[in-house]
Amino acid sequence: MRVLRVVVGGLLCLTGVVWIGQGVGLVHGSFMTGATQWALLGGAALIVGLGLLSLGRHSRRNAEDGA
């Protein structure tokens, strides 16, 4: 389960960064370029992804401690 959290969290972080870049106009070539909505959605995806990465890291510590 920890691996799934880390993989999904990492993908959400990557997706969030791309969406933020498109939303603020740093990444061009899409209908999402310059649309603030995508920057906000990217921020939300990034926060959720970081949360999943944190949970995956926390689960790893508990497994190593034997708890």
PDB file of N, CA and C in Angstrom:
ATOM      1  N   MET A   1       0.826  -1.192   0.000  1.00  0.00           N
ATOM      2  CA  MET A   1       0.000   0.000   0.000  1.00  0.00           C
ATOM      3  C   MET A   1       0.871   1.256   0.000  1.00  0.00           C
ATOM      4  N   ARG A   2       2.015   1.187   0.687  1.00  0.00           N
ATOM      5  CA  ARG A   2       2.911   2.332   0.754  1.00  0.00           C
ATOM      6  C   ARG A   2       3.429   2.699  -0.631  1.00  0.00           C
ATOM      7  N   VAL A   3       3.770   1.699  -1.415  1.00  0.00           N
ATOM      8  CA  VAL A   3       4.298   1.951  -2.762  1.00  0.00           C
ATOM      9  C   VAL A   3       3.242   2.637  -3.622  1.00  0.00           C
ATOM     10  N   LEU A   4       1.996   2.211  -3.502  1.00  0.00           N
ATOM     11  CA  LEU A   4       0.914   2.825  -4.262  1.00  0.00           C
ATOM     12  C   LEU A   4       0.753   4.295  -3.883  1.00  0.00           C
ATOM     13  N   ARG A   5       0.811   4.596  -2.587  1.00  0.00           N
ATOM     14  CA  ARG A   5       0.710   5.989  -2.140  1.00  0.00           C
ATOM     15  C   ARG A   5       1.842   6.834  -2.706  1.00  0.00           C
ATOM     16  N   VAL A   6       3.036   6.295  -2.702  1.00  0.00           N
ATOM     17  CA  VAL A   6       4.192   7.045  -3.194  1.00  0.00           C
ATOM     18  C   VAL A   6       4.086   7.271  -4.699  1.00  0.00           C
ATOM     19  N   VAL A   7       3.698   6.241  -5.441  1.00  0.00           N
ATOM     20  CA  VAL A   7       3.588   6.367  -6.898  1.00  0.00           C
ATOM     21  C   VAL A   7       2.483   7.357  -7.273  1.00  0.00           C
ATOM     22  N   VAL A   8       1.305   7.187  -6.679  1.00  0.00           N
ATOM     23  CA  VAL A   8       0.189   8.089  -6.991  1.00  0.00           C
ATOM     24  C   VAL A   8       0.511   9.502  -6.521  1.00  0.00           C
ATOM     25  N   GLY A   9       1.116   9.633  -5.349  1.00  0.00           N
ATOM     26  CA  GLY A   9       1.499  10.948  -4.847  1.00  0.00           C
ATOM     27  C   GLY A   9       2.509  11.633  -5.754  1.00  0.00           C
ATOM     28  N   GLY A  10       3.476  10.886  -6.227  1.00  0.00           N
ATOM     29  CA  GLY A  10       4.476  11.441  -7.139  1.00  0.00           C
ATOM     30  C   GLY A  10       3.858  11.886  -8.460  1.00  0.00           C
ATOM     31  N   LEU A  11       2.956  11.061  -8.996  1.00  0.00           N
ATOM     32  CA  LEU A  11       2.285  11.426 -10.249  1.00  0.00           C
ATOM     33  C   LEU A  11       1.402  12.653 -10.071  1.00  0.00           C
ATOM     34  N   LEU A  12       0.706  12.744  -8.933  1.00  0.00           N
ATOM     35  CA  LEU A  12      -0.116  13.919  -8.669  1.00  0.00           C
ATOM     36  C   LEU A  12       0.741  15.173  -8.534  1.00  0.00           C
ATOM     37  N   CYS A  13       1.891  15.055  -7.886  1.00  0.00           N
ATOM     38  CA  CYS A  13       2.791  16.207  -7.761  1.00  0.00           C
ATOM     39  C   CYS A  13       3.276  16.667  -9.130  1.00  0.00           C
ATOM     40  N   LEU A  14       3.695  15.737  -9.946  1.00  0.00           N
ATOM     41  CA  LEU A  14       4.167  16.072 -11.287  1.00  0.00           C
ATOM     42  C   LEU A  14       3.054  16.713 -12.116  1.00  0.00           C
ATOM     43  N   THR A  15       1.878  16.114 -12.077  1.00  0.00           N
ATOM     44  CA  THR A  15       0.731  16.656 -12.805  1.00  0.00           C
ATOM     45  C   THR A  15       0.384  18.047 -12.292  1.00  0.00           C
ATOM     46  N   GLY A  16       0.394  18.221 -10.979  1.00  0.00           N
ATOM     47  CA  GLY A  16       0.080  19.512 -10.392  1.00  0.00           C
ATOM     48  C   GLY A  16       1.038  20.598 -10.828  1.00  0.00           C
ATOM     49  N   VAL A  17       2.318  20.279 -10.875  1.00  0.00           N
ATOM     50  CA  VAL A  17       3.309  21.267 -11.304  1.00  0.00           C
ATOM     51  C   VAL A  17       3.084  21.659 -12.766  1.00  0.00           C
ATOM     52  N   VAL A  18       2.787  20.677 -13.608  1.00  0.00           N
ATOM     53  CA  VAL A  18       2.522  20.974 -15.027  1.00  0.00           C
ATOM     54  C   VAL A  18       1.272  21.832 -15.155  1.00  0.00           C
ATOM     55  N   TRP A  19       0.221  21.493 -14.439  1.00  0.00           N
ATOM     56  CA  TRP A  19      -1.016  22.267 -14.511  1.00  0.00           C
ATOM     57  C   TRP A  19      -0.813  23.687 -14.019  1.00  0.00           C
ATOM     58  N   ILE A  20      -0.048  23.845 -12.960  1.00  0.00           N
ATOM     59  CA  ILE A  20       0.251  25.196 -12.467  1.00  0.00           C
ATOM     60  C   ILE A  20       0.997  25.971 -13.547  1.00  0.00           C
ATOM     61  N   GLY A  21       1.999  25.339 -14.149  1.00  0.00           N
ATOM     62  CA  GLY A  21       2.758  25.984 -15.221  1.00  0.00           C
ATOM     63  C   GLY A  21       1.879  26.397 -16.391  1.00  0.00           C
ATOM     64  N   GLN A  22       0.950  25.540 -16.759  1.00  0.00           N
ATOM     65  CA  GLN A  22       0.045  25.875 -17.853  1.00  0.00           C
ATOM     66  C   GLN A  22      -0.929  26.971 -17.431  1.00  0.00           C
ATOM     67  N   GLY A  23      -1.422  26.893 -16.234  1.00  0.00           N
ATOM     68  CA  GLY A  23      -2.391  27.868 -15.764  1.00  0.00           C
ATOM     69  C   GLY A  23      -1.839  29.279 -15.665  1.00  0.00           C
ATOM     70  N   VAL A  24      -0.569  29.403 -15.303  1.00  0.00           N
ATOM     71  CA  VAL A  24       0.037  30.737 -15.195  1.00  0.00           C
ATOM     72  C   VAL A  24       0.724  31.158 -16.488  1.00  0.00           C
ATOM     73  N   GLY A  25       0.708  30.297 -17.497  1.00  0.00           N
ATOM     74  CA  GLY A  25       1.233  30.663 -18.803  1.00  0.00           C
ATOM     75  C   GLY A  25       2.700  30.346 -19.029  1.00  0.00           C
ATOM     76  N   LEU A  26       3.308  29.551 -18.159  1.00  0.00           N
ATOM     77  CA  LEU A  26       4.721  29.187 -18.344  1.00  0.00           C
ATOM     78  C   LEU A  26       4.894  28.043 -19.341  1.00  0.00           C
ATOM     79  N   VAL A  27       3.903  27.164 -19.430  1.00  0.00           N
ATOM     80  CA  VAL A  27       3.931  26.038 -20.364  1.00  0.00           C
ATOM     81  C   VAL A  27       2.874  26.316 -21.428  1.00  0.00           C
ATOM     82  N   HIS A  28       3.304  26.366 -22.688  1.00  0.00           N
ATOM     83  CA  HIS A  28       2.406  26.731 -23.783  1.00  0.00           C
ATOM     84  C   HIS A  28       1.999  25.501 -24.591  1.00  0.00           C
ATOM     85  N   GLY A  29       1.004  25.697 -25.460  1.00  0.00           N
ATOM     86  CA  GLY A  29       0.620  24.660 -26.402  1.00  0.00           C
ATOM     87  C   GLY A  29      -0.599  23.868 -26.006  1.00  0.00           C
ATOM     88  N   SER A  30      -1.439  24.399 -25.142  1.00  0.00           N
ATOM     89  CA  SER A  30      -2.614  23.676 -24.702  1.00  0.00           C
ATOM     90  C   SER A  30      -3.765  24.648 -24.475  1.00  0.00           C
ATOM     91  N   PHE A  31      -4.974  24.120 -24.480  1.00  0.00           N
ATOM     92  CA  PHE A  31      -6.130  24.949 -24.157  1.00  0.00           C
ATOM     93  C   PHE A  31      -6.075  25.422 -22.707  1.00  0.00           C
ATOM     94  N   MET A  32      -5.249  24.784 -21.890  1.00  0.00           N
ATOM     95  CA  MET A  32      -5.135  25.129 -20.472  1.00  0.00           C
ATOM     96  C   MET A  32      -4.205  26.317 -20.241  1.00  0.00           C
ATOM     97  N   THR A  33      -3.434  26.706 -21.240  1.00  0.00           N
ATOM     98  CA  THR A  33      -2.463  27.787 -21.099  1.00  0.00           C
ATOM     99  C   THR A  33      -3.164  29.097 -20.765  1.00  0.00           C
ATOM    100  N   GLY A  34      -2.737  29.702 -19.678  1.00  0.00           N
ATOM    101  CA  GLY A  34      -3.262  30.999 -19.267  1.00  0.00           C
ATOM    102  C   GLY A  34      -4.597  30.958 -18.551  1.00  0.00           C
ATOM    103  N   ALA A  35      -5.143  29.772 -18.282  1.00  0.00           N
ATOM    104  CA  ALA A  35      -6.423  29.639 -17.588  1.00  0.00           C
ATOM    105  C   ALA A  35      -6.163  29.430 -16.098  1.00  0.00           C
ATOM    106  N   THR A  36      -6.555  30.411 -15.307  1.00  0.00           N
ATOM    107  CA  THR A  36      -6.299  30.381 -13.860  1.00  0.00           C
ATOM    108  C   THR A  36      -6.877  29.138 -13.204  1.00  0.00           C
ATOM    109  N   GLN A  37      -7.976  28.649 -13.730  1.00  0.00           N
ATOM    110  CA  GLN A  37      -8.619  27.452 -13.182  1.00  0.00           C
ATOM    111  C   GLN A  37      -7.627  26.295 -13.089  1.00  0.00           C
ATOM    112  N   TRP A  38      -6.769  26.147 -14.095  1.00  0.00           N
ATOM    113  CA  TRP A  38      -5.819  25.036 -14.100  1.00  0.00           C
ATOM    114  C   TRP A  38      -4.706  25.244 -13.092  1.00  0.00           C
ATOM    115  N   ALA A  39      -4.340  26.483 -12.850  1.00  0.00           N
ATOM    116  CA  ALA A  39      -3.344  26.755 -11.816  1.00  0.00           C
ATOM    117  C   ALA A  39      -3.898  26.370 -10.443  1.00  0.00           C
ATOM    118  N   LEU A  40      -5.155  26.675 -10.202  1.00  0.00           N
ATOM    119  CA  LEU A  40      -5.783  26.322  -8.928  1.00  0.00           C
ATOM    120  C   LEU A  40      -5.935  24.816  -8.774  1.00  0.00           C
ATOM    121  N   LEU A  41      -6.381  24.160  -9.836  1.00  0.00           N
ATOM    122  CA  LEU A  41      -6.502  22.700  -9.797  1.00  0.00           C
ATOM    123  C   LEU A  41      -5.128  22.042  -9.635  1.00  0.00           C
ATOM    124  N   GLY A  42      -4.125  22.617 -10.272  1.00  0.00           N
ATOM    125  CA  GLY A  42      -2.763  22.101 -10.124  1.00  0.00           C
ATOM    126  C   GLY A  42      -2.270  22.243  -8.700  1.00  0.00           C
ATOM    127  N   GLY A  43      -2.584  23.368  -8.067  1.00  0.00           N
ATOM    128  CA  GLY A  43      -2.209  23.552  -6.667  1.00  0.00           C
ATOM    129  C   GLY A  43      -2.867  22.520  -5.771  1.00  0.00           C
ATOM    130  N   ALA A  44      -4.139  22.244  -6.035  1.00  0.00           N
ATOM    131  CA  ALA A  44      -4.847  21.224  -5.252  1.00  0.00           C
ATOM    132  C   ALA A  44      -4.234  19.839  -5.478  1.00  0.00           C
ATOM    133  N   ALA A  45      -3.927  19.511  -6.726  1.00  0.00           N
ATOM    134  CA  ALA A  45      -3.308  18.216  -7.030  1.00  0.00           C
ATOM    135  C   ALA A  45      -1.947  18.093  -6.360  1.00  0.00           C
ATOM    136  N   LEU A  46      -1.195  19.187  -6.345  1.00  0.00           N
ATOM    137  CA  LEU A  46       0.121  19.180  -5.711  1.00  0.00           C
ATOM    138  C   LEU A  46      -0.006  18.959  -4.209  1.00  0.00           C
ATOM    139  N   ILE A  47      -0.956  19.602  -3.572  1.00  0.00           N
ATOM    140  CA  ILE A  47      -1.151  19.437  -2.125  1.00  0.00           C
ATOM    141  C   ILE A  47      -1.566  18.004  -1.788  1.00  0.00           C
ATOM    142  N   VAL A  48      -2.487  17.448  -2.563  1.00  0.00           N
ATOM    143  CA  VAL A  48      -2.910  16.062  -2.326  1.00  0.00           C
ATOM    144  C   VAL A  48      -1.742  15.105  -2.563  1.00  0.00           C
ATOM    145  N   GLY A  49      -0.980  15.347  -3.619  1.00  0.00           N
ATOM    146  CA  GLY A  49       0.183  14.499  -3.906  1.00  0.00           C
ATOM    147  C   GLY A  49       1.216  14.542  -2.798  1.00  0.00           C
ATOM    148  N   LEU A  50       1.493  15.733  -2.285  1.00  0.00           N
ATOM    149  CA  LEU A  50       2.439  15.848  -1.173  1.00  0.00           C
ATOM    150  C   LEU A  50       1.916  15.136   0.072  1.00  0.00           C
ATOM    151  N   GLY A  51       0.605  15.207   0.281  1.00  0.00           N
ATOM    152  CA  GLY A  51       0.005  14.487   1.404  1.00  0.00           C
ATOM    153  C   GLY A  51       0.179  12.983   1.276  1.00  0.00           C
ATOM    154  N   LEU A  52      -0.042  12.462   0.074  1.00  0.00           N
ATOM    155  CA  LEU A  52       0.141  11.029  -0.141  1.00  0.00           C
ATOM    156  C   LEU A  52       1.601  10.617   0.023  1.00  0.00           C
ATOM    157  N   LEU A  53       2.516  11.447  -0.461  1.00  0.00           N
ATOM    158  CA  LEU A  53       3.939  11.153  -0.272  1.00  0.00           C
ATOM    159  C   LEU A  53       4.292  11.150   1.210  1.00  0.00           C
ATOM    160  N   SER A  54       3.725  12.076   1.952  1.00  0.00           N
ATOM    161  CA  SER A  54       3.967  12.142   3.390  1.00  0.00           C
ATOM    162  C   SER A  54       3.430  10.893   4.089  1.00  0.00           C
ATOM    163  N   LEU A  55       2.228  10.465   3.698  1.00  0.00           N
ATOM    164  CA  LEU A  55       1.665   9.243   4.286  1.00  0.00           C
ATOM    165  C   LEU A  55       2.519   8.027   3.951  1.00  0.00           C
ATOM    166  N   GLY A  56       2.999   7.962   2.719  1.00  0.00           N
ATOM    167  CA  GLY A  56       3.866   6.853   2.325  1.00  0.00           C
ATOM    168  C   GLY A  56       5.157   6.846   3.114  1.00  0.00           C
ATOM    169  N   ARG A  57       5.696   8.014   3.359  1.00  0.00           N
ATOM    170  CA  ARG A  57       6.926   8.123   4.144  1.00  0.00           C
ATOM    171  C   ARG A  57       6.660   7.763   5.597  1.00  0.00           C
ATOM    172  N   HIS A  58       5.531   8.207   6.138  1.00  0.00           N
ATOM    173  CA  HIS A  58       5.164   7.901   7.513  1.00  0.00           C
ATOM    174  C   HIS A  58       4.960   6.399   7.700  1.00  0.00           C
ATOM    175  N   SER A  59       4.308   5.746   6.728  1.00  0.00           N
ATOM    176  CA  SER A  59       4.083   4.302   6.797  1.00  0.00           C
ATOM    177  C   SER A  59       5.410   3.553   6.802  1.00  0.00           C
ATOM    178  N   ARG A  60       6.371   4.076   6.053  1.00  0.00           N
ATOM    179  CA  ARG A  60       7.676   3.441   5.986  1.00  0.00           C
ATOM    180  C   ARG A  60       8.378   3.497   7.331  1.00  0.00           C
ATOM    181  N   ARG A  61       8.301   4.620   8.023  1.00  0.00           N
ATOM    182  CA  ARG A  61       8.922   4.757   9.341  1.00  0.00           C
ATOM    183  C   ARG A  61       8.293   3.787  10.335  1.00  0.00           C
ATOM    184  N   ASN A  62       6.960   3.671  10.328  1.00  0.00           N
ATOM    185  CA  ASN A  62       6.291   2.758  11.246  1.00  0.00           C
ATOM    186  C   ASN A  62       6.669   1.319  10.979  1.00  0.00           C
ATOM    187  N   ALA A  63       6.810   0.951   9.719  1.00  0.00           N
ATOM    188  CA  ALA A  63       7.195  -0.416   9.379  1.00  0.00           C
ATOM    189  C   ALA A  63       8.609  -0.710   9.854  1.00  0.00           C
ATOM    190  N   GLU A  64       9.515   0.272   9.749  1.00  0.00           N
ATOM    191  CA  GLU A  64      10.895   0.067  10.189  1.00  0.00           C
ATOM    192  C   GLU A  64      10.997   0.001  11.704  1.00  0.00           C
ATOM    193  N   ASP A  65      10.134   0.732  12.402  1.00  0.00           N
ATOM    194  CA  ASP A  65      10.150   0.757  13.864  1.00  0.00           C
ATOM    195  C   ASP A  65       9.452  -0.446  14.467  1.00  0.00           C
ATOM    196  N   GLY A  66       8.734  -1.186  13.646  1.00  0.00           N
ATOM    197  CA  GLY A  66       8.011  -2.340  14.135  1.00  0.00           C
ATOM    198  C   GLY A  66       6.657  -2.002  14.706  1.00  0.00           C
ATOM    199  N   ALA A  67       6.215  -0.769  14.497  1.00  0.00           N
ATOM    200  CA  ALA A  67       4.903  -0.361  15.033  1.00  0.00           C
ATOM    201  C   ALA A  67       3.811  -0.614  14.039  1.00  0.00           C
TER     202      ALA A  67
END
